Amino acid sequence: MPGPKKVGDRRTEIVSQGLLCDENDQLLLQPKGAMTFDRKNLPGWERAMRIIAGGAIIASGLIALSAAPVGYVIAGAGAVAILTGFFGICPMCAMVGRRLPSP
């Protein structure tokens, strides 16, 4: 049974951020300063307003346009507003680089 192949005297692993990775896994490593969606980017007052406005949007979509399919689309937009307010993360704000000030 043949042993593992040796590639000269070079190491083929890259040690970064405490992880031992293969050189082909470079795409999995996150560069410094990369955009992530796990940090809250909405202040408390805006989160509350999104939840209140989302409820109003859902109500208007289901009550005012109850017979039209567009009413369900409007209600879906209200649900998205409520979710972004509840979790405090707005993906569109993160894509343009909006961040909360550091404490």
PDB file of N, CA and C in Angstrom:
ATOM      1  N   MET A   1       0.842  -1.163   0.000  1.00  0.00           N
ATOM      2  CA  MET A   1       0.000   0.000   0.000  1.00  0.00           C
ATOM      3  C   MET A   1       0.898   1.241   0.000  1.00  0.00           C
ATOM      4  N   PRO A   2       0.700   2.145  -0.987  1.00  0.00           N
ATOM      5  CA  PRO A   2       1.578   3.313  -1.067  1.00  0.00           C
ATOM      6  C   PRO A   2       1.269   4.320   0.039  1.00  0.00           C
ATOM      7  N   GLY A   3       2.313   4.996   0.484  1.00  0.00           N
ATOM      8  CA  GLY A   3       2.167   6.002   1.545  1.00  0.00           C
ATOM      9  C   GLY A   3       1.688   7.328   0.964  1.00  0.00           C
ATOM     10  N   PRO A   4       1.535   8.319   1.814  1.00  0.00           N
ATOM     11  CA  PRO A   4       1.086   9.633   1.331  1.00  0.00           C
ATOM     12  C   PRO A   4       2.133  10.281   0.444  1.00  0.00           C
ATOM     13  N   LYS A   5       1.653  11.033  -0.537  1.00  0.00           N
ATOM     14  CA  LYS A   5       2.567  11.697  -1.457  1.00  0.00           C
ATOM     15  C   LYS A   5       3.223  12.882  -0.760  1.00  0.00           C
ATOM     16  N   LYS A   6       4.507  13.070  -1.043  1.00  0.00           N
ATOM     17  CA  LYS A   6       5.221  14.212  -0.497  1.00  0.00           C
ATOM     18  C   LYS A   6       5.418  15.235  -1.604  1.00  0.00           C
ATOM     19  N   VAL A   7       5.247  16.486  -1.258  1.00  0.00           N
ATOM     20  CA  VAL A   7       5.413  17.561  -2.225  1.00  0.00           C
ATOM     21  C   VAL A   7       6.647  18.346  -1.827  1.00  0.00           C
ATOM     22  N   GLY A   8       7.787  17.851  -2.193  1.00  0.00           N
ATOM     23  CA  GLY A   8       9.023  18.522  -1.879  1.00  0.00           C
ATOM     24  C   GLY A   8       9.166  18.764  -0.383  1.00  0.00           C
ATOM     25  N   ASP A   9       9.780  19.862  -0.033  1.00  0.00           N
ATOM     26  CA  ASP A   9       9.938  20.216   1.370  1.00  0.00           C
ATOM     27  C   ASP A   9       8.921  21.280   1.791  1.00  0.00           C
ATOM     28  N   ARG A  10       8.030  21.657   0.883  1.00  0.00           N
ATOM     29  CA  ARG A  10       7.036  22.692   1.195  1.00  0.00           C
ATOM     30  C   ARG A  10       5.881  22.122   1.999  1.00  0.00           C
ATOM     31  N   ARG A  11       5.342  22.947   2.860  1.00  0.00           N
ATOM     32  CA  ARG A  11       4.109  22.563   3.555  1.00  0.00           C
ATOM     33  C   ARG A  11       2.938  22.933   2.660  1.00  0.00           C
ATOM     34  N   THR A  12       1.925  22.097   2.608  1.00  0.00           N
ATOM     35  CA  THR A  12       0.762  22.392   1.783  1.00  0.00           C
ATOM     36  C   THR A  12      -0.415  22.890   2.602  1.00  0.00           C
ATOM     37  N   GLU A  13      -0.199  23.069   3.915  1.00  0.00           N
ATOM     38  CA  GLU A  13      -1.266  23.591   4.748  1.00  0.00           C
ATOM     39  C   GLU A  13      -1.006  25.067   5.024  1.00  0.00           C
ATOM     40  N   ILE A  14      -2.078  25.785   5.269  1.00  0.00           N
ATOM     41  CA  ILE A  14      -1.978  27.192   5.616  1.00  0.00           C
ATOM     42  C   ILE A  14      -2.630  27.359   6.975  1.00  0.00           C
ATOM     43  N   VAL A  15      -1.901  27.930   7.912  1.00  0.00           N
ATOM     44  CA  VAL A  15      -2.443  28.145   9.244  1.00  0.00           C
ATOM     45  C   VAL A  15      -2.896  29.596   9.313  1.00  0.00           C
ATOM     46  N   SER A  16      -4.184  29.788   9.521  1.00  0.00           N
ATOM     47  CA  SER A  16      -4.734  31.130   9.591  1.00  0.00           C
ATOM     48  C   SER A  16      -5.868  31.158  10.591  1.00  0.00           C
ATOM     49  N   GLN A  17      -5.856  32.099  11.484  1.00  0.00           N
ATOM     50  CA  GLN A  17      -6.893  32.306  12.482  1.00  0.00           C
ATOM     51  C   GLN A  17      -7.122  31.055  13.318  1.00  0.00           C
ATOM     52  N   GLY A  18      -6.085  30.320  13.601  1.00  0.00           N
ATOM     53  CA  GLY A  18      -6.195  29.140  14.451  1.00  0.00           C
ATOM     54  C   GLY A  18      -6.769  27.916  13.752  1.00  0.00           C
ATOM     55  N   LEU A  19      -6.952  27.991  12.449  1.00  0.00           N
ATOM     56  CA  LEU A  19      -7.501  26.862  11.707  1.00  0.00           C
ATOM     57  C   LEU A  19      -6.419  26.274  10.812  1.00  0.00           C
ATOM     58  N   LEU A  20      -6.423  24.981  10.671  1.00  0.00           N
ATOM     59  CA  LEU A  20      -5.509  24.311   9.763  1.00  0.00           C
ATOM     60  C   LEU A  20      -6.292  23.979   8.505  1.00  0.00           C
ATOM     61  N   CYS A  21      -5.924  24.621   7.406  1.00  0.00           N
ATOM     62  CA  CYS A  21      -6.698  24.490   6.177  1.00  0.00           C
ATOM     63  C   CYS A  21      -5.803  24.019   5.041  1.00  0.00           C
ATOM     64  N   ASP A  22      -6.411  23.391   4.069  1.00  0.00           N
ATOM     65  CA  ASP A  22      -5.743  23.018   2.836  1.00  0.00           C
ATOM     66  C   ASP A  22      -5.609  24.283   1.989  1.00  0.00           C
ATOM     67  N   GLU A  23      -4.629  24.334   1.099  1.00  0.00           N
ATOM     68  CA  GLU A  23      -4.444  25.532   0.288  1.00  0.00           C
ATOM     69  C   GLU A  23      -5.621  25.773  -0.651  1.00  0.00           C
ATOM     70  N   ASN A  24      -6.419  24.750  -0.953  1.00  0.00           N
ATOM     71  CA  ASN A  24      -7.577  24.915  -1.815  1.00  0.00           C
ATOM     72  C   ASN A  24      -8.759  25.524  -1.070  1.00  0.00           C
ATOM     73  N   ASP A  25      -8.700  25.611   0.232  1.00  0.00           N
ATOM     74  CA  ASP A  25      -9.803  26.139   1.035  1.00  0.00           C
ATOM     75  C   ASP A  25      -9.671  27.636   1.272  1.00  0.00           C
ATOM     76  N   GLN A  26      -8.913  28.343   0.484  1.00  0.00           N
ATOM     77  CA  GLN A  26      -8.704  29.769   0.689  1.00  0.00           C
ATOM     78  C   GLN A  26     -10.006  30.555   0.584  1.00  0.00           C
ATOM     79  N   LEU A  27     -10.955  30.088  -0.220  1.00  0.00           N
ATOM     80  CA  LEU A  27     -12.212  30.798  -0.364  1.00  0.00           C
ATOM     81  C   LEU A  27     -13.047  30.724   0.906  1.00  0.00           C
ATOM     82  N   LEU A  28     -12.812  29.738   1.748  1.00  0.00           N
ATOM     83  CA  LEU A  28     -13.576  29.609   2.976  1.00  0.00           C
ATOM     84  C   LEU A  28     -13.094  30.559   4.056  1.00  0.00           C
ATOM     85  N   LEU A  29     -11.856  31.019   3.951  1.00  0.00           N
ATOM     86  CA  LEU A  29     -11.327  31.942   4.940  1.00  0.00           C
ATOM     87  C   LEU A  29     -11.873  33.329   4.644  1.00  0.00           C
ATOM     88  N   GLN A  30     -12.326  34.021   5.666  1.00  0.00           N
ATOM     89  CA  GLN A  30     -12.910  35.330   5.480  1.00  0.00           C
ATOM     90  C   GLN A  30     -11.837  36.397   5.628  1.00  0.00           C
ATOM     91  N   PRO A  31     -11.662  37.225   4.611  1.00  0.00           N
ATOM     92  CA  PRO A  31     -10.638  38.262   4.722  1.00  0.00           C
ATOM     93  C   PRO A  31     -11.010  39.295   5.778  1.00  0.00           C
ATOM     94  N   LYS A  32     -10.005  39.965   6.290  1.00  0.00           N
ATOM     95  CA  LYS A  32     -10.233  40.963   7.329  1.00  0.00           C
ATOM     96  C   LYS A  32     -11.068  42.108   6.764  1.00  0.00           C
ATOM     97  N   GLY A  33     -12.090  42.494   7.522  1.00  0.00           N
ATOM     98  CA  GLY A  33     -12.949  43.584   7.101  1.00  0.00           C
ATOM     99  C   GLY A  33     -14.035  43.175   6.124  1.00  0.00           C
ATOM    100  N   ALA A  34     -14.279  41.889   5.975  1.00  0.00           N
ATOM    101  CA  ALA A  34     -15.294  41.448   5.035  1.00  0.00           C
ATOM    102  C   ALA A  34     -16.682  41.761   5.578  1.00  0.00           C
ATOM    103  N   MET A  35     -17.626  41.907   4.656  1.00  0.00           N
ATOM    104  CA  MET A  35     -18.993  42.212   5.029  1.00  0.00           C
ATOM    105  C   MET A  35     -19.675  40.944   5.552  1.00  0.00           C
ATOM    106  N   THR A  36     -20.250  41.029   6.733  1.00  0.00           N
ATOM    107  CA  THR A  36     -20.995  39.913   7.280  1.00  0.00           C
ATOM    108  C   THR A  36     -22.380  40.385   7.667  1.00  0.00           C
ATOM    109  N   PHE A  37     -23.311  39.456   7.728  1.00  0.00           N
ATOM    110  CA  PHE A  37     -24.687  39.778   8.056  1.00  0.00           C
ATOM    111  C   PHE A  37     -25.030  39.414   9.495  1.00  0.00           C
ATOM    112  N   ASP A  38     -24.058  39.131  10.330  1.00  0.00           N
ATOM    113  CA  ASP A  38     -24.379  38.691  11.677  1.00  0.00           C
ATOM    114  C   ASP A  38     -24.334  39.809  12.705  1.00  0.00           C
ATOM    115  N   ARG A  39     -23.948  41.022  12.321  1.00  0.00           N
ATOM    116  CA  ARG A  39     -23.911  42.148  13.249  1.00  0.00           C
ATOM    117  C   ARG A  39     -25.170  42.986  13.071  1.00  0.00           C
ATOM    118  N   LYS A  40     -25.714  43.463  14.172  1.00  0.00           N
ATOM    119  CA  LYS A  40     -26.878  44.329  14.093  1.00  0.00           C
ATOM    120  C   LYS A  40     -26.477  45.653  13.462  1.00  0.00           C
ATOM    121  N   ASN A  41     -27.281  46.125  12.532  1.00  0.00           N
ATOM    122  CA  ASN A  41     -26.978  47.387  11.881  1.00  0.00           C
ATOM    123  C   ASN A  41     -28.153  48.362  11.947  1.00  0.00           C
ATOM    124  N   LEU A  42     -29.132  48.096  12.826  1.00  0.00           N
ATOM    125  CA  LEU A  42     -30.266  48.994  13.006  1.00  0.00           C
ATOM    126  C   LEU A  42     -30.319  49.469  14.453  1.00  0.00           C
ATOM    127  N   PRO A  43     -30.448  50.780  14.664  1.00  0.00           N
ATOM    128  CA  PRO A  43     -30.586  51.263  16.036  1.00  0.00           C
ATOM    129  C   PRO A  43     -31.955  50.893  16.600  1.00  0.00           C
ATOM    130  N   GLY A  44     -32.091  50.977  17.919  1.00  0.00           N
ATOM    131  CA  GLY A  44     -33.318  50.555  18.594  1.00  0.00           C
ATOM    132  C   GLY A  44     -34.562  51.284  18.132  1.00  0.00           C
ATOM    133  N   TRP A  45     -34.471  52.593  17.920  1.00  0.00           N
ATOM    134  CA  TRP A  45     -35.652  53.339  17.505  1.00  0.00           C
ATOM    135  C   TRP A  45     -36.112  52.912  16.115  1.00  0.00           C
ATOM    136  N   GLU A  46     -35.171  52.593  15.233  1.00  0.00           N
ATOM    137  CA  GLU A  46     -35.540  52.181  13.880  1.00  0.00           C
ATOM    138  C   GLU A  46     -36.118  50.766  13.881  1.00  0.00           C
ATOM    139  N   ARG A  47     -35.617  49.921  14.780  1.00  0.00           N
ATOM    140  CA  ARG A  47     -36.168  48.570  14.905  1.00  0.00           C
ATOM    141  C   ARG A  47     -37.632  48.644  15.332  1.00  0.00           C
ATOM    142  N   ALA A  48     -37.934  49.507  16.319  1.00  0.00           N
ATOM    143  CA  ALA A  48     -39.318  49.661  16.784  1.00  0.00           C
ATOM    144  C   ALA A  48     -40.213  50.200  15.672  1.00  0.00           C
ATOM    145  N   MET A  49     -39.717  51.175  14.922  1.00  0.00           N
ATOM    146  CA  MET A  49     -40.511  51.745  13.825  1.00  0.00           C
ATOM    147  C   MET A  49     -40.749  50.730  12.716  1.00  0.00           C
ATOM    148  N   ARG A  50     -39.795  49.867  12.448  1.00  0.00           N
ATOM    149  CA  ARG A  50     -39.996  48.840  11.422  1.00  0.00           C
ATOM    150  C   ARG A  50     -41.055  47.832  11.850  1.00  0.00           C
ATOM    151  N   ILE A  51     -41.070  47.488  13.136  1.00  0.00           N
ATOM    152  CA  ILE A  51     -42.076  46.544  13.619  1.00  0.00           C
ATOM    153  C   ILE A  51     -43.474  47.168  13.542  1.00  0.00           C
ATOM    154  N   ILE A  52     -43.593  48.427  13.972  1.00  0.00           N
ATOM    155  CA  ILE A  52     -44.898  49.107  13.922  1.00  0.00           C
ATOM    156  C   ILE A  52     -45.345  49.307  12.474  1.00  0.00           C
ATOM    157  N   ALA A  53     -44.449  49.794  11.622  1.00  0.00           N
ATOM    158  CA  ALA A  53     -44.793  50.025  10.222  1.00  0.00           C
ATOM    159  C   ALA A  53     -45.091  48.714   9.503  1.00  0.00           C
ATOM    160  N   GLY A  54     -44.359  47.653   9.838  1.00  0.00           N
ATOM    161  CA  GLY A  54     -44.626  46.346   9.225  1.00  0.00           C
ATOM    162  C   GLY A  54     -46.023  45.848   9.543  1.00  0.00           C
ATOM    163  N   GLY A  55     -46.458  46.048  10.801  1.00  0.00           N
ATOM    164  CA  GLY A  55     -47.831  45.668  11.164  1.00  0.00           C
ATOM    165  C   GLY A  55     -48.856  46.460  10.389  1.00  0.00           C
ATOM    166  N   ALA A  56     -48.608  47.762  10.213  1.00  0.00           N
ATOM    167  CA  ALA A  56     -49.528  48.601   9.444  1.00  0.00           C
ATOM    168  C   ALA A  56     -49.549  48.184   7.972  1.00  0.00           C
ATOM    169  N   ILE A  57     -48.411  47.828   7.422  1.00  0.00           N
ATOM    170  CA  ILE A  57     -48.342  47.403   6.020  1.00  0.00           C
ATOM    171  C   ILE A  57     -49.095  46.089   5.825  1.00  0.00           C
ATOM    172  N   ILE A  58     -48.930  45.163   6.765  1.00  0.00           N
ATOM    173  CA  ILE A  58     -49.656  43.891   6.666  1.00  0.00           C
ATOM    174  C   ILE A  58     -51.154  44.134   6.745  1.00  0.00           C
ATOM    175  N   ALA A  59     -51.572  44.981   7.681  1.00  0.00           N
ATOM    176  CA  ALA A  59     -53.004  45.270   7.832  1.00  0.00           C
ATOM    177  C   ALA A  59     -53.561  45.916   6.566  1.00  0.00           C
ATOM    178  N   SER A  60     -52.864  46.878   6.011  1.00  0.00           N
ATOM    179  CA  SER A  60     -53.367  47.537   4.808  1.00  0.00           C
ATOM    180  C   SER A  60     -53.383  46.591   3.615  1.00  0.00           C
ATOM    181  N   GLY A  61     -52.413  45.709   3.532  1.00  0.00           N
ATOM    182  CA  GLY A  61     -52.392  44.768   2.416  1.00  0.00           C
ATOM    183  C   GLY A  61     -53.506  43.745   2.494  1.00  0.00           C
ATOM    184  N   LEU A  62     -53.810  43.281   3.709  1.00  0.00           N
ATOM    185  CA  LEU A  62     -54.839  42.245   3.849  1.00  0.00           C
ATOM    186  C   LEU A  62     -56.251  42.823   3.950  1.00  0.00           C
ATOM    187  N   ILE A  63     -56.389  44.029   4.474  1.00  0.00           N
ATOM    188  CA  ILE A  63     -57.722  44.607   4.629  1.00  0.00           C
ATOM    189  C   ILE A  63     -58.126  45.397   3.391  1.00  0.00           C
ATOM    190  N   ALA A  64     -57.285  46.324   2.962  1.00  0.00           N
ATOM    191  CA  ALA A  64     -57.650  47.194   1.842  1.00  0.00           C
ATOM    192  C   ALA A  64     -57.639  46.452   0.506  1.00  0.00           C
ATOM    193  N   LEU A  65     -56.728  45.530   0.343  1.00  0.00           N
ATOM    194  CA  LEU A  65     -56.613  44.795  -0.929  1.00  0.00           C
ATOM    195  C   LEU A  65     -56.815  43.300  -0.694  1.00  0.00           C
ATOM    196  N   SER A  66     -57.875  42.973   0.040  1.00  0.00           N
ATOM    197  CA  SER A  66     -58.060  41.574   0.438  1.00  0.00           C
ATOM    198  C   SER A  66     -58.393  40.650  -0.734  1.00  0.00           C
ATOM    199  N   ALA A  67     -59.017  41.170  -1.786  1.00  0.00           N
ATOM    200  CA  ALA A  67     -59.411  40.310  -2.896  1.00  0.00           C
ATOM    201  C   ALA A  67     -58.337  40.221  -3.978  1.00  0.00           C
ATOM    202  N   ALA A  68     -57.327  41.061  -3.900  1.00  0.00           N
ATOM    203  CA  ALA A  68     -56.316  41.110  -4.956  1.00  0.00           C
ATOM    204  C   ALA A  68     -55.041  40.378  -4.518  1.00  0.00           C
ATOM    205  N   PRO A  69     -54.390  39.703  -5.452  1.00  0.00           N
ATOM    206  CA  PRO A  69     -53.118  39.049  -5.124  1.00  0.00           C
ATOM    207  C   PRO A  69     -52.035  40.035  -4.701  1.00  0.00           C
ATOM    208  N   VAL A  70     -52.122  41.275  -5.156  1.00  0.00           N
ATOM    209  CA  VAL A  70     -51.128  42.263  -4.763  1.00  0.00           C
ATOM    210  C   VAL A  70     -51.216  42.558  -3.268  1.00  0.00           C
ATOM    211  N   GLY A  71     -52.367  42.318  -2.657  1.00  0.00           N
ATOM    212  CA  GLY A  71     -52.505  42.492  -1.213  1.00  0.00           C
ATOM    213  C   GLY A  71     -51.600  41.542  -0.450  1.00  0.00           C
ATOM    214  N   TYR A  72     -51.458  40.317  -0.949  1.00  0.00           N
ATOM    215  CA  TYR A  72     -50.564  39.348  -0.314  1.00  0.00           C
ATOM    216  C   TYR A  72     -49.101  39.743  -0.498  1.00  0.00           C
ATOM    217  N   VAL A  73     -48.785  40.350  -1.634  1.00  0.00           N
ATOM    218  CA  VAL A  73     -47.412  40.821  -1.861  1.00  0.00           C
ATOM    219  C   VAL A  73     -47.084  41.954  -0.894  1.00  0.00           C
ATOM    220  N   ILE A  74     -48.041  42.873  -0.715  1.00  0.00           N
ATOM    221  CA  ILE A  74     -47.838  43.979   0.221  1.00  0.00           C
ATOM    222  C   ILE A  74     -47.717  43.443   1.645  1.00  0.00           C
ATOM    223  N   ALA A  75     -48.539  42.458   2.001  1.00  0.00           N
ATOM    224  CA  ALA A  75     -48.449  41.852   3.334  1.00  0.00           C
ATOM    225  C   ALA A  75     -47.097  41.155   3.519  1.00  0.00           C
ATOM    226  N   GLY A  76     -46.574  40.540   2.478  1.00  0.00           N
ATOM    227  CA  GLY A  76     -45.250  39.912   2.550  1.00  0.00           C
ATOM    228  C   GLY A  76     -44.158  40.937   2.791  1.00  0.00           C
ATOM    229  N   ALA A  77     -44.282  42.109   2.172  1.00  0.00           N
ATOM    230  CA  ALA A  77     -43.308  43.183   2.408  1.00  0.00           C
ATOM    231  C   ALA A  77     -43.385  43.653   3.856  1.00  0.00           C
ATOM    232  N   GLY A  78     -44.586  43.681   4.412  1.00  0.00           N
ATOM    233  CA  GLY A  78     -44.735  44.047   5.818  1.00  0.00           C
ATOM    234  C   GLY A  78     -44.096  43.018   6.734  1.00  0.00           C
ATOM    235  N   ALA A  79     -44.214  41.739   6.369  1.00  0.00           N
ATOM    236  CA  ALA A  79     -43.595  40.678   7.166  1.00  0.00           C
ATOM    237  C   ALA A  79     -42.074  40.797   7.139  1.00  0.00           C
ATOM    238  N   VAL A  80     -41.518  41.155   6.001  1.00  0.00           N
ATOM    239  CA  VAL A  80     -40.068  41.353   5.913  1.00  0.00           C
ATOM    240  C   VAL A  80     -39.642  42.528   6.784  1.00  0.00           C
ATOM    241  N   ALA A  81     -40.436  43.598   6.792  1.00  0.00           N
ATOM    242  CA  ALA A  81     -40.118  44.753   7.639  1.00  0.00           C
ATOM    243  C   ALA A  81     -40.136  44.359   9.113  1.00  0.00           C
ATOM    244  N   ILE A  82     -41.104  43.551   9.511  1.00  0.00           N
ATOM    245  CA  ILE A  82     -41.174  43.095  10.902  1.00  0.00           C
ATOM    246  C   ILE A  82     -39.967  42.225  11.249  1.00  0.00           C
ATOM    247  N   LEU A  83     -39.589  41.335  10.354  1.00  0.00           N
ATOM    248  CA  LEU A  83     -38.439  40.458  10.621  1.00  0.00           C
ATOM    249  C   LEU A  83     -37.136  41.242  10.742  1.00  0.00           C
ATOM    250  N   THR A  84     -36.932  42.218   9.864  1.00  0.00           N
ATOM    251  CA  THR A  84     -35.707  43.009   9.972  1.00  0.00           C
ATOM    252  C   THR A  84     -35.700  43.830  11.256  1.00  0.00           C
ATOM    253  N   GLY A  85     -36.868  44.299  11.676  1.00  0.00           N
ATOM    254  CA  GLY A  85     -36.941  45.030  12.932  1.00  0.00           C
ATOM    255  C   GLY A  85     -36.719  44.135  14.137  1.00  0.00           C
ATOM    256  N   PHE A  86     -37.264  42.925  14.089  1.00  0.00           N
ATOM    257  CA  PHE A  86     -37.128  42.004  15.213  1.00  0.00           C
ATOM    258  C   PHE A  86     -35.688  41.554  15.402  1.00  0.00           C
ATOM    259  N   PHE A  87     -35.012  41.196  14.318  1.00  0.00           N
ATOM    260  CA  PHE A  87     -33.637  40.703  14.414  1.00  0.00           C
ATOM    261  C   PHE A  87     -32.602  41.822  14.419  1.00  0.00           C
ATOM    262  N   GLY A  88     -32.966  43.024  13.977  1.00  0.00           N
ATOM    263  CA  GLY A  88     -32.033  44.147  13.993  1.00  0.00           C
ATOM    264  C   GLY A  88     -31.009  44.109  12.890  1.00  0.00           C
ATOM    265  N   ILE A  89     -31.259  43.304  11.880  1.00  0.00           N
ATOM    266  CA  ILE A  89     -30.310  43.171  10.777  1.00  0.00           C
ATOM    267  C   ILE A  89     -31.045  43.461   9.479  1.00  0.00           C
ATOM    268  N   CYS A  90     -30.570  44.443   8.739  1.00  0.00           N
ATOM    269  CA  CYS A  90     -31.142  44.752   7.432  1.00  0.00           C
ATOM    270  C   CYS A  90     -30.099  44.370   6.373  1.00  0.00           C
ATOM    271  N   PRO A  91     -30.374  43.352   5.574  1.00  0.00           N
ATOM    272  CA  PRO A  91     -29.381  42.927   4.575  1.00  0.00           C
ATOM    273  C   PRO A  91     -29.022  44.030   3.573  1.00  0.00           C
ATOM    274  N   MET A  92     -29.987  44.833   3.184  1.00  0.00           N
ATOM    275  CA  MET A  92     -29.687  45.894   2.222  1.00  0.00           C
ATOM    276  C   MET A  92     -28.790  46.966   2.852  1.00  0.00           C
ATOM    277  N   CYS A  93     -29.020  47.264   4.122  1.00  0.00           N
ATOM    278  CA  CYS A  93     -28.150  48.225   4.816  1.00  0.00           C
ATOM    279  C   CYS A  93     -26.738  47.674   4.942  1.00  0.00           C
ATOM    280  N   ALA A  94     -26.618  46.371   5.181  1.00  0.00           N
ATOM    281  CA  ALA A  94     -25.296  45.754   5.300  1.00  0.00           C
ATOM    282  C   ALA A  94     -24.562  45.769   3.959  1.00  0.00           C
ATOM    283  N   MET A  95     -25.303  45.638   2.866  1.00  0.00           N
ATOM    284  CA  MET A  95     -24.651  45.615   1.562  1.00  0.00           C
ATOM    285  C   MET A  95     -24.056  46.974   1.202  1.00  0.00           C
ATOM    286  N   VAL A  96     -24.640  48.051   1.691  1.00  0.00           N
ATOM    287  CA  VAL A  96     -24.085  49.374   1.398  1.00  0.00           C
ATOM    288  C   VAL A  96     -23.108  49.824   2.464  1.00  0.00           C
ATOM    289  N   GLY A  97     -22.886  48.976   3.497  1.00  0.00           N
ATOM    290  CA  GLY A  97     -21.872  49.245   4.494  1.00  0.00           C
ATOM    291  C   GLY A  97     -22.358  49.986   5.733  1.00  0.00           C
ATOM    292  N   ARG A  98     -23.639  50.017   5.971  1.00  0.00           N
ATOM    293  CA  ARG A  98     -24.149  50.716   7.156  1.00  0.00           C
ATOM    294  C   ARG A  98     -23.843  49.895   8.400  1.00  0.00           C
ATOM    295  N   ARG A  99     -23.275  50.555   9.406  1.00  0.00           N
ATOM    296  CA  ARG A  99     -22.952  49.899  10.669  1.00  0.00           C
ATOM    297  C   ARG A  99     -23.367  50.796  11.813  1.00  0.00           C
ATOM    298  N   LEU A 100     -23.659  50.187  12.966  1.00  0.00           N
ATOM    299  CA  LEU A 100     -23.910  50.950  14.171  1.00  0.00           C
ATOM    300  C   LEU A 100     -22.583  51.439  14.722  1.00  0.00           C
ATOM    301  N   PRO A 101     -22.574  52.600  15.369  1.00  0.00           N
ATOM    302  CA  PRO A 101     -21.322  53.049  15.985  1.00  0.00           C
ATOM    303  C   PRO A 101     -20.874  52.083  17.077  1.00  0.00           C
ATOM    304  N   SER A 102     -19.581  51.885  17.192  1.00  0.00           N
ATOM    305  CA  SER A 102     -19.048  50.976  18.208  1.00  0.00           C
ATOM    306  C   SER A 102     -19.252  51.573  19.589  1.00  0.00           C
ATOM    307  N   PRO A 103     -19.624  50.708  20.577  1.00  0.00           N
ATOM    308  CA  PRO A 103     -19.843  51.224  21.935  1.00  0.00           C
ATOM    309  C   PRO A 103     -18.559  51.609  22.627  1.00  0.00           C
TER     310      PRO A 103
END
